[in-house]
N, C-alpha and C. Protein backbone atom coordinates (compact mmCIF):
# COMPACT_ATOMS: atom_id res chain seq x y z
N MET A 1 105.17 132.48 271.97
CA MET A 1 103.98 132.90 272.71
C MET A 1 102.99 133.57 271.75
N SER A 2 102.04 134.27 272.30
CA SER A 2 100.99 134.88 271.49
C SER A 2 101.50 136.11 270.74
N ASP A 3 100.97 136.31 269.55
CA ASP A 3 101.32 137.52 268.81
C ASP A 3 100.26 138.59 269.03
N GLY A 4 99.47 138.45 270.07
CA GLY A 4 98.48 139.44 270.41
C GLY A 4 97.09 139.17 269.90
N VAL A 5 96.91 138.12 269.14
CA VAL A 5 95.58 137.78 268.62
C VAL A 5 94.75 137.19 269.75
N ARG A 6 93.56 137.75 269.95
CA ARG A 6 92.67 137.25 271.00
C ARG A 6 91.48 136.60 270.34
N VAL A 7 91.29 135.33 270.60
CA VAL A 7 90.14 134.61 270.04
C VAL A 7 89.40 133.94 271.18
N PRO A 8 88.10 133.75 271.00
CA PRO A 8 87.35 133.03 272.02
C PRO A 8 87.78 131.56 272.03
N LEU A 9 88.00 131.04 273.20
CA LEU A 9 88.40 129.64 273.34
C LEU A 9 87.35 128.87 274.12
N PRO A 10 87.19 127.58 273.89
CA PRO A 10 87.99 126.81 272.95
C PRO A 10 87.56 127.02 271.50
N ILE A 11 88.50 126.75 270.60
CA ILE A 11 88.21 126.60 269.18
C ILE A 11 88.40 125.12 268.88
N VAL A 12 87.41 124.52 268.26
CA VAL A 12 87.43 123.08 268.02
C VAL A 12 87.52 122.81 266.52
N LEU A 13 88.49 121.98 266.15
CA LEU A 13 88.68 121.60 264.76
C LEU A 13 88.07 120.22 264.52
N ILE A 14 87.19 120.15 263.52
CA ILE A 14 86.57 118.88 263.14
C ILE A 14 86.83 118.64 261.66
N GLY A 15 86.63 117.41 261.24
CA GLY A 15 86.79 117.08 259.83
C GLY A 15 87.29 115.66 259.67
N PRO A 16 87.43 115.23 258.42
CA PRO A 16 87.81 113.85 258.15
C PRO A 16 89.28 113.58 258.42
N MET A 17 89.63 112.30 258.44
CA MET A 17 91.02 111.90 258.55
C MET A 17 91.82 112.55 257.44
N GLY A 18 92.98 113.10 257.80
CA GLY A 18 93.87 113.66 256.81
C GLY A 18 93.59 115.09 256.41
N ALA A 19 92.63 115.73 257.04
CA ALA A 19 92.30 117.12 256.69
C ALA A 19 93.31 118.12 257.23
N GLY A 20 94.13 117.69 258.18
CA GLY A 20 95.15 118.58 258.74
C GLY A 20 94.81 119.14 260.11
N LYS A 21 93.91 118.49 260.82
CA LYS A 21 93.48 119.02 262.12
C LYS A 21 94.63 119.18 263.10
N SER A 22 95.52 118.21 263.15
CA SER A 22 96.65 118.30 264.09
C SER A 22 97.65 119.37 263.66
N ARG A 23 98.02 119.39 262.39
CA ARG A 23 98.99 120.39 261.91
C ARG A 23 98.44 121.80 262.07
N VAL A 24 97.20 122.00 261.64
CA VAL A 24 96.59 123.33 261.76
C VAL A 24 96.40 123.68 263.24
N GLY A 25 95.97 122.72 264.02
CA GLY A 25 95.73 122.96 265.45
C GLY A 25 96.98 123.41 266.18
N HIS A 26 98.11 122.74 265.93
CA HIS A 26 99.37 123.14 266.56
C HIS A 26 99.71 124.58 266.21
N ARG A 27 99.62 124.92 264.93
CA ARG A 27 100.01 126.26 264.48
C ARG A 27 99.01 127.31 264.99
N LEU A 28 97.71 126.98 264.96
CA LEU A 28 96.70 127.92 265.45
C LEU A 28 96.90 128.19 266.94
N ALA A 29 97.13 127.15 267.70
CA ALA A 29 97.35 127.31 269.15
C ALA A 29 98.55 128.21 269.41
N ALA A 30 99.63 127.98 268.69
CA ALA A 30 100.82 128.82 268.86
C ALA A 30 100.51 130.27 268.49
N SER A 31 99.74 130.45 267.44
CA SER A 31 99.41 131.79 266.96
C SER A 31 98.60 132.58 267.98
N VAL A 32 97.71 131.91 268.68
CA VAL A 32 96.84 132.61 269.64
C VAL A 32 97.31 132.47 271.08
N GLY A 33 98.44 131.80 271.29
CA GLY A 33 98.99 131.66 272.64
C GLY A 33 98.16 130.77 273.54
N ALA A 34 97.60 129.72 272.96
CA ALA A 34 96.76 128.80 273.73
C ALA A 34 97.36 127.39 273.68
N PRO A 35 97.00 126.55 274.63
CA PRO A 35 97.43 125.15 274.55
C PRO A 35 96.75 124.46 273.37
N PHE A 36 97.36 123.40 272.88
CA PHE A 36 96.77 122.57 271.83
C PHE A 36 96.45 121.21 272.42
N VAL A 37 95.23 120.74 272.19
CA VAL A 37 94.81 119.42 272.65
C VAL A 37 94.36 118.61 271.44
N ASP A 38 95.04 117.50 271.21
CA ASP A 38 94.65 116.55 270.17
C ASP A 38 94.02 115.36 270.90
N THR A 39 92.72 115.18 270.76
CA THR A 39 92.05 114.13 271.54
C THR A 39 92.55 112.75 271.15
N ASP A 40 92.92 112.52 269.89
CA ASP A 40 93.47 111.22 269.52
C ASP A 40 94.79 110.97 270.25
N THR A 41 95.63 112.00 270.38
CA THR A 41 96.89 111.85 271.11
C THR A 41 96.63 111.52 272.57
N ARG A 42 95.65 112.17 273.17
CA ARG A 42 95.31 111.87 274.56
C ARG A 42 94.84 110.42 274.72
N ILE A 43 94.05 109.96 273.77
CA ILE A 43 93.60 108.57 273.82
C ILE A 43 94.79 107.63 273.78
N VAL A 44 95.72 107.89 272.87
CA VAL A 44 96.91 107.04 272.75
C VAL A 44 97.72 107.06 274.04
N GLU A 45 97.89 108.24 274.63
CA GLU A 45 98.65 108.36 275.88
C GLU A 45 98.02 107.54 277.01
N ARG A 46 96.71 107.50 277.05
CA ARG A 46 96.02 106.83 278.15
C ARG A 46 95.71 105.35 277.90
N TYR A 47 95.41 105.01 276.64
CA TYR A 47 94.89 103.67 276.36
C TYR A 47 95.72 102.87 275.35
N GLY A 48 96.71 103.51 274.74
CA GLY A 48 97.52 102.83 273.75
C GLY A 48 97.08 103.21 272.34
N PRO A 49 97.81 102.68 271.34
CA PRO A 49 97.52 103.02 269.94
C PRO A 49 96.07 102.73 269.54
N ILE A 50 95.50 103.66 268.79
CA ILE A 50 94.09 103.55 268.42
C ILE A 50 93.82 102.29 267.61
N ASP A 51 94.73 101.95 266.67
CA ASP A 51 94.50 100.74 265.90
C ASP A 51 94.47 99.50 266.79
N GLU A 52 95.27 99.50 267.86
CA GLU A 52 95.27 98.37 268.80
C GLU A 52 93.98 98.34 269.62
N ILE A 53 93.46 99.52 269.99
CA ILE A 53 92.19 99.57 270.72
C ILE A 53 91.09 98.97 269.85
N PHE A 54 91.05 99.36 268.57
CA PHE A 54 90.07 98.81 267.63
C PHE A 54 90.21 97.29 267.54
N ASP A 55 91.44 96.82 267.37
CA ASP A 55 91.67 95.37 267.23
C ASP A 55 91.29 94.62 268.49
N ARG A 56 91.68 95.15 269.64
CA ARG A 56 91.50 94.47 270.92
C ARG A 56 90.08 94.57 271.44
N GLU A 57 89.49 95.78 271.35
CA GLU A 57 88.21 96.04 272.02
C GLU A 57 87.06 96.35 271.08
N GLY A 58 87.36 96.75 269.85
CA GLY A 58 86.31 97.09 268.90
C GLY A 58 86.00 98.58 268.87
N GLU A 59 85.28 98.97 267.82
CA GLU A 59 84.96 100.38 267.64
C GLU A 59 84.04 100.90 268.74
N GLU A 60 83.08 100.10 269.19
CA GLU A 60 82.14 100.57 270.21
C GLU A 60 82.88 100.99 271.48
N TYR A 61 83.82 100.17 271.93
CA TYR A 61 84.62 100.52 273.12
C TYR A 61 85.44 101.79 272.85
N PHE A 62 86.06 101.86 271.66
CA PHE A 62 86.84 103.05 271.32
C PHE A 62 85.99 104.30 271.41
N ARG A 63 84.76 104.26 270.90
CA ARG A 63 83.90 105.45 270.90
C ARG A 63 83.55 105.87 272.34
N ILE A 64 83.45 104.93 273.27
CA ILE A 64 83.20 105.25 274.68
C ILE A 64 84.40 105.99 275.26
N VAL A 65 85.58 105.45 275.01
CA VAL A 65 86.82 106.08 275.48
C VAL A 65 86.98 107.46 274.85
N GLU A 66 86.72 107.54 273.55
CA GLU A 66 86.84 108.80 272.83
C GLU A 66 85.90 109.85 273.44
N ARG A 67 84.67 109.47 273.71
CA ARG A 67 83.70 110.41 274.27
C ARG A 67 84.19 110.97 275.61
N GLU A 68 84.74 110.12 276.44
CA GLU A 68 85.25 110.55 277.74
C GLU A 68 86.37 111.58 277.58
N VAL A 69 87.30 111.30 276.69
CA VAL A 69 88.43 112.20 276.46
C VAL A 69 87.96 113.51 275.83
N VAL A 70 87.05 113.43 274.88
CA VAL A 70 86.53 114.63 274.21
C VAL A 70 85.78 115.51 275.20
N ALA A 71 84.92 114.94 276.02
CA ALA A 71 84.16 115.73 276.99
C ALA A 71 85.09 116.50 277.91
N GLU A 72 86.15 115.87 278.35
CA GLU A 72 87.13 116.52 279.21
C GLU A 72 87.83 117.66 278.45
N ALA A 73 88.27 117.40 277.23
CA ALA A 73 89.01 118.40 276.45
C ALA A 73 88.17 119.63 276.15
N LEU A 74 86.89 119.44 275.87
CA LEU A 74 86.03 120.56 275.48
C LEU A 74 85.79 121.55 276.62
N ARG A 75 86.20 121.19 277.82
CA ARG A 75 86.09 122.11 278.96
C ARG A 75 87.34 122.98 279.12
N GLU A 76 88.33 122.77 278.26
CA GLU A 76 89.60 123.48 278.38
C GLU A 76 89.62 124.72 277.48
N GLU A 77 90.36 125.73 277.92
CA GLU A 77 90.58 126.94 277.13
C GLU A 77 91.75 126.64 276.19
N ALA A 78 91.45 126.05 275.05
CA ALA A 78 92.50 125.56 274.17
C ALA A 78 92.00 125.49 272.74
N VAL A 79 92.92 125.20 271.83
CA VAL A 79 92.58 124.79 270.47
C VAL A 79 92.53 123.27 270.53
N ILE A 80 91.41 122.70 270.10
CA ILE A 80 91.17 121.27 270.28
C ILE A 80 90.90 120.61 268.93
N SER A 81 91.63 119.54 268.67
CA SER A 81 91.42 118.74 267.46
C SER A 81 90.69 117.46 267.85
N LEU A 82 89.54 117.23 267.22
CA LEU A 82 88.79 116.01 267.48
C LEU A 82 89.07 114.98 266.40
N GLY A 83 89.07 113.71 266.79
CA GLY A 83 89.15 112.64 265.80
C GLY A 83 87.95 112.75 264.86
N GLY A 84 88.12 112.29 263.64
CA GLY A 84 87.09 112.44 262.62
C GLY A 84 85.72 111.94 263.01
N GLY A 85 85.65 110.87 263.81
CA GLY A 85 84.37 110.29 264.19
C GLY A 85 83.82 110.75 265.53
N ALA A 86 84.54 111.62 266.22
CA ALA A 86 84.08 112.07 267.54
C ALA A 86 82.71 112.73 267.49
N VAL A 87 82.40 113.36 266.36
CA VAL A 87 81.12 114.07 266.21
C VAL A 87 79.93 113.12 266.10
N LEU A 88 80.19 111.83 265.99
CA LEU A 88 79.09 110.87 265.89
C LEU A 88 78.32 110.73 267.20
N HIS A 89 78.96 111.05 268.31
CA HIS A 89 78.30 110.91 269.62
C HIS A 89 77.37 112.10 269.85
N PRO A 90 76.08 111.84 270.14
CA PRO A 90 75.13 112.94 270.32
C PRO A 90 75.53 113.90 271.45
N ASP A 91 76.13 113.39 272.52
CA ASP A 91 76.55 114.28 273.61
C ASP A 91 77.67 115.22 273.17
N THR A 92 78.55 114.73 272.32
CA THR A 92 79.60 115.59 271.78
C THR A 92 78.98 116.67 270.91
N ARG A 93 78.02 116.30 270.08
CA ARG A 93 77.36 117.31 269.25
C ARG A 93 76.69 118.36 270.13
N ASP A 94 76.05 117.95 271.21
CA ASP A 94 75.44 118.90 272.14
C ASP A 94 76.49 119.82 272.76
N ASP A 95 77.64 119.23 273.16
CA ASP A 95 78.72 120.03 273.76
C ASP A 95 79.25 121.07 272.79
N LEU A 96 79.28 120.74 271.50
CA LEU A 96 79.84 121.64 270.50
C LEU A 96 78.91 122.79 270.12
N ALA A 97 77.65 122.69 270.49
CA ALA A 97 76.65 123.67 270.05
C ALA A 97 77.01 125.11 270.43
N ASP A 98 77.64 125.31 271.57
CA ASP A 98 77.95 126.66 272.03
C ASP A 98 79.42 127.04 271.88
N LEU A 99 80.18 126.22 271.16
CA LEU A 99 81.61 126.47 271.00
C LEU A 99 81.92 126.93 269.58
N GLN A 100 83.12 127.48 269.39
CA GLN A 100 83.59 127.89 268.07
C GLN A 100 84.12 126.63 267.37
N VAL A 101 83.47 126.23 266.28
CA VAL A 101 83.82 124.98 265.60
C VAL A 101 84.21 125.27 264.16
N VAL A 102 85.37 124.73 263.77
CA VAL A 102 85.89 124.90 262.41
C VAL A 102 85.97 123.54 261.75
N TRP A 103 85.33 123.43 260.58
CA TRP A 103 85.38 122.20 259.78
C TRP A 103 86.49 122.35 258.77
N LEU A 104 87.52 121.52 258.90
CA LEU A 104 88.59 121.49 257.92
C LEU A 104 88.20 120.50 256.83
N LYS A 105 87.97 121.03 255.65
CA LYS A 105 87.58 120.22 254.50
C LYS A 105 88.83 119.85 253.71
N VAL A 106 88.76 118.75 252.96
CA VAL A 106 89.86 118.35 252.10
C VAL A 106 89.32 117.47 250.98
N SER A 107 89.88 117.62 249.80
CA SER A 107 89.44 116.81 248.66
C SER A 107 90.08 115.42 248.73
N PRO A 108 89.42 114.43 248.13
CA PRO A 108 90.02 113.09 248.08
C PRO A 108 91.40 113.10 247.39
N GLU A 109 91.56 113.92 246.36
CA GLU A 109 92.83 113.98 245.64
C GLU A 109 93.95 114.51 246.53
N ALA A 110 93.65 115.48 247.36
CA ALA A 110 94.66 116.05 248.25
C ALA A 110 94.95 115.15 249.44
N VAL A 111 93.94 114.42 249.92
CA VAL A 111 94.13 113.62 251.12
C VAL A 111 94.82 112.29 250.84
N ALA A 112 94.67 111.75 249.65
CA ALA A 112 95.22 110.42 249.35
C ALA A 112 96.71 110.29 249.72
N PRO A 113 97.57 111.23 249.29
CA PRO A 113 98.98 111.08 249.66
C PRO A 113 99.23 111.24 251.17
N ARG A 114 98.37 111.99 251.84
CA ARG A 114 98.54 112.21 253.29
C ARG A 114 98.26 110.93 254.08
N LEU A 115 97.43 110.06 253.54
CA LEU A 115 97.02 108.86 254.28
C LEU A 115 97.81 107.62 253.90
N THR A 116 98.68 107.72 252.91
CA THR A 116 99.43 106.56 252.44
C THR A 116 100.32 106.01 253.54
N GLY A 117 100.22 104.70 253.74
CA GLY A 117 101.10 104.03 254.68
C GLY A 117 100.73 104.19 256.14
N GLY A 118 99.57 104.73 256.43
CA GLY A 118 99.16 104.93 257.82
C GLY A 118 98.56 103.69 258.44
N THR A 119 98.23 103.79 259.73
CA THR A 119 97.62 102.67 260.45
C THR A 119 96.23 103.03 260.93
N ARG A 120 95.53 103.85 260.18
CA ARG A 120 94.21 104.31 260.61
C ARG A 120 93.23 103.16 260.50
N PRO A 121 92.64 102.75 261.63
CA PRO A 121 91.80 101.55 261.61
C PRO A 121 90.57 101.65 260.72
N MET A 122 90.03 102.84 260.56
CA MET A 122 88.84 102.98 259.73
C MET A 122 89.16 102.82 258.25
N LEU A 123 90.44 102.88 257.88
CA LEU A 123 90.82 102.78 256.47
C LEU A 123 91.51 101.47 256.12
N THR A 124 91.72 100.62 257.12
CA THR A 124 92.44 99.37 256.88
C THR A 124 91.81 98.60 255.74
N GLU A 125 90.51 98.55 255.71
CA GLU A 125 89.80 97.86 254.63
C GLU A 125 89.11 98.91 253.78
N GLY A 126 89.46 98.99 252.53
CA GLY A 126 88.74 99.87 251.62
C GLY A 126 89.47 101.11 251.18
N GLY A 127 90.52 101.51 251.86
CA GLY A 127 91.33 102.64 251.44
C GLY A 127 90.53 103.90 251.15
N MET A 128 90.82 104.54 250.02
CA MET A 128 90.20 105.82 249.69
C MET A 128 88.70 105.72 249.45
N SER A 129 88.23 104.59 248.92
CA SER A 129 86.78 104.48 248.74
C SER A 129 86.10 104.45 250.11
N ARG A 130 86.74 103.85 251.09
CA ARG A 130 86.22 103.84 252.46
C ARG A 130 86.26 105.27 253.03
N TRP A 131 87.37 106.00 252.79
CA TRP A 131 87.49 107.37 253.27
C TRP A 131 86.35 108.22 252.71
N THR A 132 86.10 108.08 251.40
CA THR A 132 85.04 108.86 250.75
C THR A 132 83.68 108.52 251.33
N ALA A 133 83.42 107.25 251.58
CA ALA A 133 82.13 106.85 252.16
C ALA A 133 81.97 107.41 253.58
N ILE A 134 83.05 107.36 254.36
CA ILE A 134 83.00 107.91 255.72
C ILE A 134 82.71 109.41 255.66
N LEU A 135 83.41 110.12 254.77
CA LEU A 135 83.19 111.57 254.64
C LEU A 135 81.75 111.86 254.23
N GLU A 136 81.24 111.14 253.25
CA GLU A 136 79.86 111.38 252.80
C GLU A 136 78.86 111.18 253.93
N ALA A 137 79.11 110.19 254.78
CA ALA A 137 78.21 109.93 255.90
C ALA A 137 78.30 111.02 256.98
N ARG A 138 79.50 111.53 257.20
CA ARG A 138 79.72 112.50 258.28
C ARG A 138 79.55 113.95 257.86
N ALA A 139 79.63 114.25 256.57
CA ALA A 139 79.59 115.64 256.10
C ALA A 139 78.37 116.41 256.61
N PRO A 140 77.17 115.83 256.62
CA PRO A 140 76.03 116.60 257.14
C PRO A 140 76.21 117.00 258.62
N ILE A 141 76.86 116.15 259.39
CA ILE A 141 77.11 116.46 260.80
C ILE A 141 78.15 117.57 260.89
N TYR A 142 79.25 117.44 260.14
CA TYR A 142 80.26 118.50 260.15
C TYR A 142 79.63 119.83 259.76
N ARG A 143 78.82 119.82 258.71
CA ARG A 143 78.18 121.04 258.21
C ARG A 143 77.30 121.67 259.29
N GLU A 144 76.52 120.84 259.95
CA GLU A 144 75.61 121.32 260.99
C GLU A 144 76.37 121.94 262.17
N LEU A 145 77.49 121.38 262.53
CA LEU A 145 78.22 121.82 263.72
C LEU A 145 79.13 123.02 263.47
N ALA A 146 79.57 123.20 262.23
CA ALA A 146 80.60 124.19 261.94
C ALA A 146 80.08 125.62 261.94
N ASP A 147 80.84 126.48 262.60
CA ASP A 147 80.62 127.92 262.52
C ASP A 147 81.36 128.48 261.32
N TYR A 148 82.37 127.75 260.89
CA TYR A 148 83.23 128.19 259.80
C TYR A 148 83.82 126.94 259.15
N ASP A 149 83.99 126.96 257.84
CA ASP A 149 84.68 125.85 257.18
C ASP A 149 85.73 126.41 256.24
N ILE A 150 86.78 125.63 256.06
CA ILE A 150 87.87 126.04 255.18
C ILE A 150 88.47 124.80 254.55
N ASP A 151 88.75 124.91 253.25
CA ASP A 151 89.33 123.79 252.52
C ASP A 151 90.84 123.82 252.67
N THR A 152 91.40 122.72 253.16
CA THR A 152 92.84 122.62 253.41
C THR A 152 93.59 121.98 252.24
N SER A 153 92.88 121.66 251.17
CA SER A 153 93.48 120.89 250.07
C SER A 153 94.70 121.57 249.46
N ARG A 154 94.60 122.87 249.22
CA ARG A 154 95.67 123.55 248.49
C ARG A 154 96.14 124.84 249.17
N ARG A 155 95.85 124.97 250.44
CA ARG A 155 96.29 126.15 251.18
C ARG A 155 97.41 125.76 252.14
N SER A 156 98.32 126.68 252.38
CA SER A 156 99.37 126.44 253.37
C SER A 156 98.74 126.50 254.77
N VAL A 157 99.41 125.85 255.71
CA VAL A 157 98.94 125.89 257.10
C VAL A 157 98.88 127.33 257.58
N ALA A 158 99.87 128.13 257.23
CA ALA A 158 99.88 129.54 257.66
C ALA A 158 98.66 130.29 257.15
N ARG A 159 98.29 130.09 255.89
CA ARG A 159 97.11 130.78 255.34
C ARG A 159 95.83 130.29 256.01
N ILE A 160 95.75 129.00 256.32
CA ILE A 160 94.58 128.45 257.00
C ILE A 160 94.44 129.07 258.39
N VAL A 161 95.55 129.12 259.11
CA VAL A 161 95.54 129.71 260.46
C VAL A 161 95.14 131.18 260.40
N ASP A 162 95.68 131.93 259.44
CA ASP A 162 95.31 133.34 259.30
C ASP A 162 93.81 133.49 259.04
N ALA A 163 93.25 132.65 258.19
CA ALA A 163 91.82 132.72 257.88
C ALA A 163 90.97 132.42 259.11
N ILE A 164 91.38 131.42 259.88
CA ILE A 164 90.62 131.06 261.09
C ILE A 164 90.69 132.18 262.11
N THR A 165 91.88 132.72 262.36
CA THR A 165 91.99 133.79 263.36
C THR A 165 91.22 135.02 262.91
N GLU A 166 91.27 135.32 261.63
CA GLU A 166 90.50 136.47 261.12
C GLU A 166 89.01 136.25 261.33
N ARG A 167 88.54 135.04 261.08
CA ARG A 167 87.12 134.72 261.23
C ARG A 167 86.65 134.94 262.67
N PHE A 168 87.48 134.53 263.64
CA PHE A 168 87.04 134.59 265.03
C PHE A 168 87.45 135.87 265.76
N THR A 169 88.18 136.75 265.08
CA THR A 169 88.51 138.05 265.69
C THR A 169 87.87 139.18 264.91
N GLY A 170 87.19 138.85 263.81
CA GLY A 170 86.60 139.88 262.97
C GLY A 170 87.67 140.71 262.28
N GLY A 171 88.87 140.11 262.12
CA GLY A 171 89.94 140.82 261.44
C GLY A 171 90.79 141.65 262.38
N ARG A 172 90.45 141.70 263.68
CA ARG A 172 91.23 142.47 264.65
C ARG A 172 92.52 141.71 264.97
N ARG A 173 93.61 142.41 265.07
CA ARG A 173 94.90 141.79 265.46
C ARG A 173 95.50 142.56 266.60
């Protein structure tokens, strides 16, 4: 349960594939005694594997489904992890304007081993050069939306969670 840390909810984690949004989100939620919502997991539960949605219906359909799931999640008192591209939708950006948003940054060198052997549809063609191009395109959006950013490349999940909770509690425990 909670260790007594009180943070304003929701807290939303954004960032590129492989930055650690799910791992950090689980630990952060446990630390503050809140539910954890991974919007990609919800999409899979409702519509099937994301790579299959891309193959079957295309990215445009996926982004419609993603927007619906994200809009619902952002109304919850929870720690919420968004898929890397969820911020591309203007309505999602509007929804995030009044929420606590954390951008999890990661270097290409640190993320490469995390993404090896995955089924991420955006990386199927192009690998790390595709990841870098996607990040470069999305970084200005992440920067604009974030109230706080932290590099996950060489920090433990515990240290990342401590930094986030300190940021949103002003150091109060």
